[in-house]
Amino acid sequence: HEQVVKLLLKEGADVNAQGGEYGNALQAASYRGHEQIMKLLLKEGADINAQGGECGNALQTASHGGHEKVVNALLDRGAVRNGNERGSS
């Protein structure tokens, strides 16, 4: 999966494009527990707190998917604990 994501980004795919069940690629990667893809998307500028899809933001999707390692990685990178806190400190 990681190679496909790299190719899409290289070809100009919008890292924050919204659509589908998960909202965006970061949310989908987080829900599925794909930590390396999550890190790649963040490195390429994905909005860590973007809302969308059925589960909210990436932190919420990772939690919903049961991926503790991804949850911790997102928190370490500044994900807000409550999706309603976006932009607050």
PDB file of N, CA and C in Angstrom:
ATOM      1  N   HIS A   1       0.809  -1.198   0.000  1.00  0.00           N
ATOM      2  CA  HIS A   1       0.000   0.000   0.000  1.00  0.00           C
ATOM      3  C   HIS A   1       0.856   1.268   0.000  1.00  0.00           C
ATOM      4  N   GLU A   2       1.976   1.203   0.727  1.00  0.00           N
ATOM      5  CA  GLU A   2       2.819   2.394   0.852  1.00  0.00           C
ATOM      6  C   GLU A   2       3.354   2.855  -0.498  1.00  0.00           C
ATOM      7  N   GLN A   3       3.727   1.923  -1.356  1.00  0.00           N
ATOM      8  CA  GLN A   3       4.256   2.294  -2.672  1.00  0.00           C
ATOM      9  C   GLN A   3       3.187   2.975  -3.523  1.00  0.00           C
ATOM     10  N   VAL A   4       1.967   2.517  -3.415  1.00  0.00           N
ATOM     11  CA  VAL A   4       0.860   3.135  -4.160  1.00  0.00           C
ATOM     12  C   VAL A   4       0.638   4.566  -3.668  1.00  0.00           C
ATOM     13  N   VAL A   5       0.666   4.760  -2.354  1.00  0.00           N
ATOM     14  CA  VAL A   5       0.497   6.103  -1.793  1.00  0.00           C
ATOM     15  C   VAL A   5       1.619   7.017  -2.270  1.00  0.00           C
ATOM     16  N   LYS A   6       2.851   6.521  -2.237  1.00  0.00           N
ATOM     17  CA  LYS A   6       3.994   7.315  -2.705  1.00  0.00           C
ATOM     18  C   LYS A   6       3.817   7.716  -4.165  1.00  0.00           C
ATOM     19  N   LEU A   7       3.375   6.779  -4.995  1.00  0.00           N
ATOM     20  CA  LEU A   7       3.162   7.061  -6.414  1.00  0.00           C
ATOM     21  C   LEU A   7       2.079   8.123  -6.601  1.00  0.00           C
ATOM     22  N   LEU A   8       0.975   7.975  -5.903  1.00  0.00           N
ATOM     23  CA  LEU A   8      -0.116   8.945  -6.018  1.00  0.00           C
ATOM     24  C   LEU A   8       0.334  10.343  -5.596  1.00  0.00           C
ATOM     25  N   LEU A   9       1.079  10.423  -4.512  1.00  0.00           N
ATOM     26  CA  LEU A   9       1.577  11.724  -4.058  1.00  0.00           C
ATOM     27  C   LEU A   9       2.563  12.311  -5.054  1.00  0.00           C
ATOM     28  N   LYS A  10       3.414  11.462  -5.605  1.00  0.00           N
ATOM     29  CA  LYS A  10       4.385  11.912  -6.606  1.00  0.00           C
ATOM     30  C   LYS A  10       3.670  12.479  -7.828  1.00  0.00           C
ATOM     31  N   GLU A  11       2.537  11.898  -8.175  1.00  0.00           N
ATOM     32  CA  GLU A  11       1.770  12.333  -9.344  1.00  0.00           C
ATOM     33  C   GLU A  11       0.834  13.500  -9.035  1.00  0.00           C
ATOM     34  N   GLY A  12       0.912  14.021  -7.815  1.00  0.00           N
ATOM     35  CA  GLY A  12       0.163  15.229  -7.491  1.00  0.00           C
ATOM     36  C   GLY A  12      -1.156  15.047  -6.769  1.00  0.00           C
ATOM     37  N   ALA A  13      -1.407  13.867  -6.233  1.00  0.00           N
ATOM     38  CA  ALA A  13      -2.652  13.662  -5.493  1.00  0.00           C
ATOM     39  C   ALA A  13      -2.716  14.613  -4.300  1.00  0.00           C
ATOM     40  N   ASP A  14      -3.895  15.119  -4.019  1.00  0.00           N
ATOM     41  CA  ASP A  14      -4.116  16.018  -2.884  1.00  0.00           C
ATOM     42  C   ASP A  14      -4.115  15.199  -1.598  1.00  0.00           C
ATOM     43  N   VAL A  15      -3.123  15.433  -0.752  1.00  0.00           N
ATOM     44  CA  VAL A  15      -2.973  14.666   0.478  1.00  0.00           C
ATOM     45  C   VAL A  15      -4.159  14.857   1.427  1.00  0.00           C
ATOM     46  N   ASN A  16      -4.912  15.928   1.251  1.00  0.00           N
ATOM     47  CA  ASN A  16      -6.059  16.199   2.116  1.00  0.00           C
ATOM     48  C   ASN A  16      -7.406  16.027   1.418  1.00  0.00           C
ATOM     49  N   ALA A  17      -7.418  15.371   0.262  1.00  0.00           N
ATOM     50  CA  ALA A  17      -8.677  15.159  -0.463  1.00  0.00           C
ATOM     51  C   ALA A  17      -9.669  14.404   0.421  1.00  0.00           C
ATOM     52  N   GLN A  18     -10.906  14.853   0.412  1.00  0.00           N
ATOM     53  CA  GLN A  18     -11.969  14.248   1.214  1.00  0.00           C
ATOM     54  C   GLN A  18     -12.884  13.392   0.346  1.00  0.00           C
ATOM     55  N   GLY A  19     -13.407  12.341   0.945  1.00  0.00           N
ATOM     56  CA  GLY A  19     -14.390  11.516   0.266  1.00  0.00           C
ATOM     57  C   GLY A  19     -14.418  10.117   0.830  1.00  0.00           C
ATOM     58  N   GLY A  20     -15.524   9.483   0.704  1.00  0.00           N
ATOM     59  CA  GLY A  20     -15.640   8.095   1.118  1.00  0.00           C
ATOM     60  C   GLY A  20     -15.913   7.906   2.599  1.00  0.00           C
ATOM     61  N   GLU A  21     -15.923   6.665   2.988  1.00  0.00           N
ATOM     62  CA  GLU A  21     -16.272   6.256   4.344  1.00  0.00           C
ATOM     63  C   GLU A  21     -15.353   6.850   5.410  1.00  0.00           C
ATOM     64  N   TYR A  22     -14.060   6.962   5.106  1.00  0.00           N
ATOM     65  CA  TYR A  22     -13.096   7.394   6.116  1.00  0.00           C
ATOM     66  C   TYR A  22     -12.817   8.885   6.093  1.00  0.00           C
ATOM     67  N   GLY A  23     -13.197   9.590   5.079  1.00  0.00           N
ATOM     68  CA  GLY A  23     -12.959  11.022   4.991  1.00  0.00           C
ATOM     69  C   GLY A  23     -11.776  11.350   4.112  1.00  0.00           C
ATOM     70  N   ASN A  24     -10.567  10.966   4.535  1.00  0.00           N
ATOM     71  CA  ASN A  24      -9.377  11.207   3.720  1.00  0.00           C
ATOM     72  C   ASN A  24      -8.380  10.066   3.899  1.00  0.00           C
ATOM     73  N   ALA A  25      -7.270  10.148   3.201  1.00  0.00           N
ATOM     74  CA  ALA A  25      -6.288   9.058   3.232  1.00  0.00           C
ATOM     75  C   ALA A  25      -5.698   8.858   4.622  1.00  0.00           C
ATOM     76  N   LEU A  26      -5.445   9.948   5.346  1.00  0.00           N
ATOM     77  CA  LEU A  26      -4.887   9.827   6.694  1.00  0.00           C
ATOM     78  C   LEU A  26      -5.857   9.098   7.619  1.00  0.00           C
ATOM     79  N   GLN A  27      -7.118   9.426   7.505  1.00  0.00           N
ATOM     80  CA  GLN A  27      -8.118   8.758   8.332  1.00  0.00           C
ATOM     81  C   GLN A  27      -8.230   7.275   7.966  1.00  0.00           C
ATOM     82  N   ALA A  28      -8.173   6.959   6.691  1.00  0.00           N
ATOM     83  CA  ALA A  28      -8.242   5.560   6.261  1.00  0.00           C
ATOM     84  C   ALA A  28      -7.023   4.784   6.749  1.00  0.00           C
ATOM     85  N   ALA A  29      -5.834   5.365   6.596  1.00  0.00           N
ATOM     86  CA  ALA A  29      -4.607   4.700   7.051  1.00  0.00           C
ATOM     87  C   ALA A  29      -4.641   4.495   8.563  1.00  0.00           C
ATOM     88  N   SER A  30      -5.135   5.485   9.280  1.00  0.00           N
ATOM     89  CA  SER A  30      -5.215   5.390  10.740  1.00  0.00           C
ATOM     90  C   SER A  30      -6.200   4.311  11.160  1.00  0.00           C
ATOM     91  N   TYR A  31      -7.338   4.248  10.496  1.00  0.00           N
ATOM     92  CA  TYR A  31      -8.353   3.243  10.827  1.00  0.00           C
ATOM     93  C   TYR A  31      -7.832   1.828  10.604  1.00  0.00           C
ATOM     94  N   ARG A  32      -7.047   1.664   9.551  1.00  0.00           N
ATOM     95  CA  ARG A  32      -6.522   0.338   9.207  1.00  0.00           C
ATOM     96  C   ARG A  32      -5.212  -0.001   9.919  1.00  0.00           C
ATOM     97  N   GLY A  33      -4.666   0.956  10.677  1.00  0.00           N
ATOM     98  CA  GLY A  33      -3.444   0.696  11.426  1.00  0.00           C
ATOM     99  C   GLY A  33      -2.172   0.759  10.606  1.00  0.00           C
ATOM    100  N   HIS A  34      -2.208   1.442   9.477  1.00  0.00           N
ATOM    101  CA  HIS A  34      -1.038   1.561   8.596  1.00  0.00           C
ATOM    102  C   HIS A  34      -0.162   2.722   9.073  1.00  0.00           C
ATOM    103  N   GLU A  35       0.656   2.448  10.092  1.00  0.00           N
ATOM    104  CA  GLU A  35       1.451   3.499  10.729  1.00  0.00           C
ATOM    105  C   GLU A  35       2.432   4.163   9.766  1.00  0.00           C
ATOM    106  N   GLN A  36       3.097   3.397   8.923  1.00  0.00           N
ATOM    107  CA  GLN A  36       4.072   3.988   7.999  1.00  0.00           C
ATOM    108  C   GLN A  36       3.394   4.904   6.985  1.00  0.00           C
ATOM    109  N   ILE A  37       2.231   4.503   6.511  1.00  0.00           N
ATOM    110  CA  ILE A  37       1.492   5.354   5.575  1.00  0.00           C
ATOM    111  C   ILE A  37       1.025   6.619   6.289  1.00  0.00           C
ATOM    112  N   MET A  38       0.563   6.485   7.524  1.00  0.00           N
ATOM    113  CA  MET A  38       0.152   7.644   8.308  1.00  0.00           C
ATOM    114  C   MET A  38       1.308   8.630   8.438  1.00  0.00           C
ATOM    115  N   LYS A  39       2.493   8.134   8.775  1.00  0.00           N
ATOM    116  CA  LYS A  39       3.668   8.997   8.918  1.00  0.00           C
ATOM    117  C   LYS A  39       4.019   9.669   7.590  1.00  0.00           C
ATOM    118  N   LEU A  40       3.942   8.921   6.497  1.00  0.00           N
ATOM    119  CA  LEU A  40       4.228   9.473   5.171  1.00  0.00           C
ATOM    120  C   LEU A  40       3.245  10.594   4.829  1.00  0.00           C
ATOM    121  N   LEU A  41       1.975  10.358   5.056  1.00  0.00           N
ATOM    122  CA  LEU A  41       0.959  11.366   4.748  1.00  0.00           C
ATOM    123  C   LEU A  41       1.162  12.632   5.580  1.00  0.00           C
ATOM    124  N   LEU A  42       1.508  12.472   6.842  1.00  0.00           N
ATOM    125  CA  LEU A  42       1.771  13.639   7.684  1.00  0.00           C
ATOM    126  C   LEU A  42       3.001  14.393   7.201  1.00  0.00           C
ATOM    127  N   LYS A  43       4.022  13.653   6.815  1.00  0.00           N
ATOM    128  CA  LYS A  43       5.241  14.280   6.282  1.00  0.00           C
ATOM    129  C   LYS A  43       4.924  15.092   5.031  1.00  0.00           C
ATOM    130  N   GLU A  44       3.960  14.630   4.251  1.00  0.00           N
ATOM    131  CA  GLU A  44       3.585  15.300   3.006  1.00  0.00           C
ATOM    132  C   GLU A  44       2.528  16.390   3.211  1.00  0.00           C
ATOM    133  N   GLY A  45       2.185  16.673   4.465  1.00  0.00           N
ATOM    134  CA  GLY A  45       1.300  17.799   4.741  1.00  0.00           C
ATOM    135  C   GLY A  45      -0.143  17.479   5.067  1.00  0.00           C
ATOM    136  N   ALA A  46      -0.454  16.227   5.347  1.00  0.00           N
ATOM    137  CA  ALA A  46      -1.833  15.891   5.711  1.00  0.00           C
ATOM    138  C   ALA A  46      -2.231  16.628   6.988  1.00  0.00           C
ATOM    139  N   ASP A  47      -3.456  17.099   7.023  1.00  0.00           N
ATOM    140  CA  ASP A  47      -3.998  17.797   8.192  1.00  0.00           C
ATOM    141  C   ASP A  47      -4.358  16.758   9.250  1.00  0.00           C
ATOM    142  N   ILE A  48      -3.584  16.718  10.323  1.00  0.00           N
ATOM    143  CA  ILE A  48      -3.752  15.695  11.353  1.00  0.00           C
ATOM    144  C   ILE A  48      -5.112  15.758  12.043  1.00  0.00           C
ATOM    145  N   ASN A  49      -5.740  16.922  12.036  1.00  0.00           N
ATOM    146  CA  ASN A  49      -7.021  17.085  12.721  1.00  0.00           C
ATOM    147  C   ASN A  49      -8.207  17.269  11.781  1.00  0.00           C
ATOM    148  N   ALA A  50      -8.016  16.949  10.501  1.00  0.00           N
ATOM    149  CA  ALA A  50      -9.115  17.076   9.541  1.00  0.00           C
ATOM    150  C   ALA A  50     -10.290  16.204   9.968  1.00  0.00           C
ATOM    151  N   GLN A  51     -11.480  16.732   9.802  1.00  0.00           N
ATOM    152  CA  GLN A  51     -12.713  16.017  10.128  1.00  0.00           C
ATOM    153  C   GLN A  51     -13.341  15.485   8.845  1.00  0.00           C
ATOM    154  N   GLY A  52     -13.989  14.338   8.950  1.00  0.00           N
ATOM    155  CA  GLY A  52     -14.695  13.797   7.800  1.00  0.00           C
ATOM    156  C   GLY A  52     -14.967  12.320   7.975  1.00  0.00           C
ATOM    157  N   GLY A  53     -15.726  11.784   7.076  1.00  0.00           N
ATOM    158  CA  GLY A  53     -16.043  10.369   7.144  1.00  0.00           C
ATOM    159  C   GLY A  53     -16.959  10.042   8.307  1.00  0.00           C
ATOM    160  N   GLU A  54     -17.030   8.770   8.611  1.00  0.00           N
ATOM    161  CA  GLU A  54     -17.957   8.299   9.632  1.00  0.00           C
ATOM    162  C   GLU A  54     -17.404   8.334  11.049  1.00  0.00           C
ATOM    163  N   CYS A  55     -16.093   8.504  11.199  1.00  0.00           N
ATOM    164  CA  CYS A  55     -15.491   8.412  12.538  1.00  0.00           C
ATOM    165  C   CYS A  55     -14.871   9.701  13.041  1.00  0.00           C
ATOM    166  N   GLY A  56     -14.915  10.782  12.295  1.00  0.00           N
ATOM    167  CA  GLY A  56     -14.339  12.036  12.771  1.00  0.00           C
ATOM    168  C   GLY A  56     -12.964  12.309  12.200  1.00  0.00           C
ATOM    169  N   ASN A  57     -11.952  12.425  13.069  1.00  0.00           N
ATOM    170  CA  ASN A  57     -10.596  12.710  12.602  1.00  0.00           C
ATOM    171  C   ASN A  57      -9.714  11.456  12.671  1.00  0.00           C
ATOM    172  N   ALA A  58      -8.451  11.592  12.311  1.00  0.00           N
ATOM    173  CA  ALA A  58      -7.548  10.436  12.269  1.00  0.00           C
ATOM    174  C   ALA A  58      -7.397   9.777  13.635  1.00  0.00           C
ATOM    175  N   LEU A  59      -7.312  10.575  14.685  1.00  0.00           N
ATOM    176  CA  LEU A  59      -7.186  10.022  16.033  1.00  0.00           C
ATOM    177  C   LEU A  59      -8.411   9.189  16.394  1.00  0.00           C
ATOM    178  N   GLN A  60      -9.572   9.701  16.056  1.00  0.00           N
ATOM    179  CA  GLN A  60     -10.806   8.973  16.345  1.00  0.00           C
ATOM    180  C   GLN A  60     -10.907   7.693  15.516  1.00  0.00           C
ATOM    181  N   THR A  61     -10.466   7.743  14.258  1.00  0.00           N
ATOM    182  CA  THR A  61     -10.539   6.533  13.435  1.00  0.00           C
ATOM    183  C   THR A  61      -9.556   5.483  13.920  1.00  0.00           C
ATOM    184  N   ALA A  62      -8.352   5.900  14.329  1.00  0.00           N
ATOM    185  CA  ALA A  62      -7.365   4.948  14.852  1.00  0.00           C
ATOM    186  C   ALA A  62      -7.881   4.299  16.129  1.00  0.00           C
ATOM    187  N   SER A  63      -8.501   5.099  16.968  1.00  0.00           N
ATOM    188  CA  SER A  63      -9.075   4.580  18.206  1.00  0.00           C
ATOM    189  C   SER A  63     -10.206   3.606  17.907  1.00  0.00           C
ATOM    190  N   HIS A  64     -11.072   3.994  16.989  1.00  0.00           N
ATOM    191  CA  HIS A  64     -12.190   3.134  16.588  1.00  0.00           C
ATOM    192  C   HIS A  64     -11.682   1.812  16.009  1.00  0.00           C
ATOM    193  N   GLY A  65     -10.580   1.872  15.267  1.00  0.00           N
ATOM    194  CA  GLY A  65      -9.998   0.668  14.683  1.00  0.00           C
ATOM    195  C   GLY A  65      -9.196  -0.167  15.664  1.00  0.00           C
ATOM    196  N   GLY A  66      -8.968   0.361  16.874  1.00  0.00           N
ATOM    197  CA  GLY A  66      -8.249  -0.390  17.897  1.00  0.00           C
ATOM    198  C   GLY A  66      -6.738  -0.400  17.722  1.00  0.00           C
ATOM    199  N   HIS A  67      -6.183   0.654  17.136  1.00  0.00           N
ATOM    200  CA  HIS A  67      -4.747   0.689  16.831  1.00  0.00           C
ATOM    201  C   HIS A  67      -4.010   1.629  17.790  1.00  0.00           C
ATOM    202  N   GLU A  68      -3.670   1.097  18.952  1.00  0.00           N
ATOM    203  CA  GLU A  68      -3.043   1.890  20.012  1.00  0.00           C
ATOM    204  C   GLU A  68      -1.735   2.540  19.565  1.00  0.00           C
ATOM    205  N   LYS A  69      -0.937   1.824  18.803  1.00  0.00           N
ATOM    206  CA  LYS A  69       0.338   2.366  18.333  1.00  0.00           C
ATOM    207  C   LYS A  69       0.112   3.598  17.444  1.00  0.00           C
ATOM    208  N   VAL A  70      -0.877   3.532  16.580  1.00  0.00           N
ATOM    209  CA  VAL A  70      -1.205   4.660  15.705  1.00  0.00           C
ATOM    210  C   VAL A  70      -1.782   5.809  16.532  1.00  0.00           C
ATOM    211  N   VAL A  71      -2.630   5.506  17.497  1.00  0.00           N
ATOM    212  CA  VAL A  71      -3.182   6.535  18.384  1.00  0.00           C
ATOM    213  C   VAL A  71      -2.045   7.292  19.060  1.00  0.00           C
ATOM    214  N   ASN A  72      -1.091   6.558  19.630  1.00  0.00           N
ATOM    215  CA  ASN A  72       0.031   7.199  20.316  1.00  0.00           C
ATOM    216  C   ASN A  72       0.884   8.024  19.362  1.00  0.00           C
ATOM    217  N   ALA A  73       1.108   7.521  18.157  1.00  0.00           N
ATOM    218  CA  ALA A  73       1.898   8.261  17.165  1.00  0.00           C
ATOM    219  C   ALA A  73       1.193   9.557  16.775  1.00  0.00           C
ATOM    220  N   LEU A  74      -0.116   9.515  16.621  1.00  0.00           N
ATOM    221  CA  LEU A  74      -0.876  10.720  16.286  1.00  0.00           C
ATOM    222  C   LEU A  74      -0.832  11.732  17.429  1.00  0.00           C
ATOM    223  N   LEU A  75      -0.984  11.257  18.649  1.00  0.00           N
ATOM    224  CA  LEU A  75      -0.907  12.156  19.803  1.00  0.00           C
ATOM    225  C   LEU A  75       0.474  12.793  19.903  1.00  0.00           C
ATOM    226  N   ASP A  76       1.513  11.998  19.658  1.00  0.00           N
ATOM    227  CA  ASP A  76       2.886  12.516  19.689  1.00  0.00           C
ATOM    228  C   ASP A  76       3.107  13.606  18.648  1.00  0.00           C
ATOM    229  N   ARG A  77       2.321  13.564  17.569  1.00  0.00           N
ATOM    230  CA  ARG A  77       2.474  14.528  16.479  1.00  0.00           C
ATOM    231  C   ARG A  77       1.487  15.695  16.575  1.00  0.00           C
ATOM    232  N   GLY A  78       0.743  15.765  17.669  1.00  0.00           N
ATOM    233  CA  GLY A  78      -0.100  16.929  17.899  1.00  0.00           C
ATOM    234  C   GLY A  78      -1.581  16.784  17.618  1.00  0.00           C
ATOM    235  N   ALA A  79      -2.065  15.573  17.421  1.00  0.00           N
ATOM    236  CA  ALA A  79      -3.508  15.395  17.209  1.00  0.00           C
ATOM    237  C   ALA A  79      -4.261  15.831  18.463  1.00  0.00           C
ATOM    238  N   VAL A  80      -5.366  16.540  18.252  1.00  0.00           N
ATOM    239  CA  VAL A  80      -6.178  16.947  19.401  1.00  0.00           C
ATOM    240  C   VAL A  80      -7.016  15.769  19.871  1.00  0.00           C
ATOM    241  N   ARG A  81      -7.193  15.682  21.174  1.00  0.00           N
ATOM    242  CA  ARG A  81      -7.938  14.562  21.765  1.00  0.00           C
ATOM    243  C   ARG A  81      -9.431  14.650  21.495  1.00  0.00           C
ATOM    244  N   ASN A  82      -9.942  15.850  21.335  1.00  0.00           N
ATOM    245  CA  ASN A  82     -11.359  16.045  21.082  1.00  0.00           C
ATOM    246  C   ASN A  82     -11.485  16.758  19.746  1.00  0.00           C
ATOM    247  N   GLY A  83     -12.148  16.138  18.794  1.00  0.00           N
ATOM    248  CA  GLY A  83     -12.283  16.716  17.465  1.00  0.00           C
ATOM    249  C   GLY A  83     -12.875  18.110  17.460  1.00  0.00           C
ATOM    250  N   ASN A  84     -13.571  18.483  18.508  1.00  0.00           N
ATOM    251  CA  ASN A  84     -14.157  19.816  18.596  1.00  0.00           C
ATOM    252  C   ASN A  84     -13.152  20.875  19.027  1.00  0.00           C
ATOM    253  N   GLU A  85     -11.936  20.465  19.401  1.00  0.00           N
ATOM    254  CA  GLU A  85     -10.927  21.402  19.872  1.00  0.00           C
ATOM    255  C   GLU A  85     -10.033  21.911  18.764  1.00  0.00           C
ATOM    256  N   ARG A  86     -10.302  21.579  17.550  1.00  0.00           N
ATOM    257  CA  ARG A  86      -9.438  21.934  16.431  1.00  0.00           C
ATOM    258  C   ARG A  86      -9.022  23.402  16.499  1.00  0.00           C
ATOM    259  N   GLY A  87      -7.724  23.599  16.497  1.00  0.00           N
ATOM    260  CA  GLY A  87      -7.186  24.944  16.474  1.00  0.00           C
ATOM    261  C   GLY A  87      -7.040  25.587  17.841  1.00  0.00           C
ATOM    262  N   SER A  88      -7.499  24.935  18.894  1.00  0.00           N
ATOM    263  CA  SER A  88      -7.341  25.528  20.219  1.00  0.00           C
ATOM    264  C   SER A  88      -6.107  24.960  20.894  1.00  0.00           C
ATOM    265  N   SER A  89      -5.629  25.664  21.904  1.00  0.00           N
ATOM    266  CA  SER A  89      -4.431  25.186  22.592  1.00  0.00           C
ATOM    267  C   SER A  89      -4.717  24.738  23.997  1.00  0.00           C
TER     268      SER A  89
END
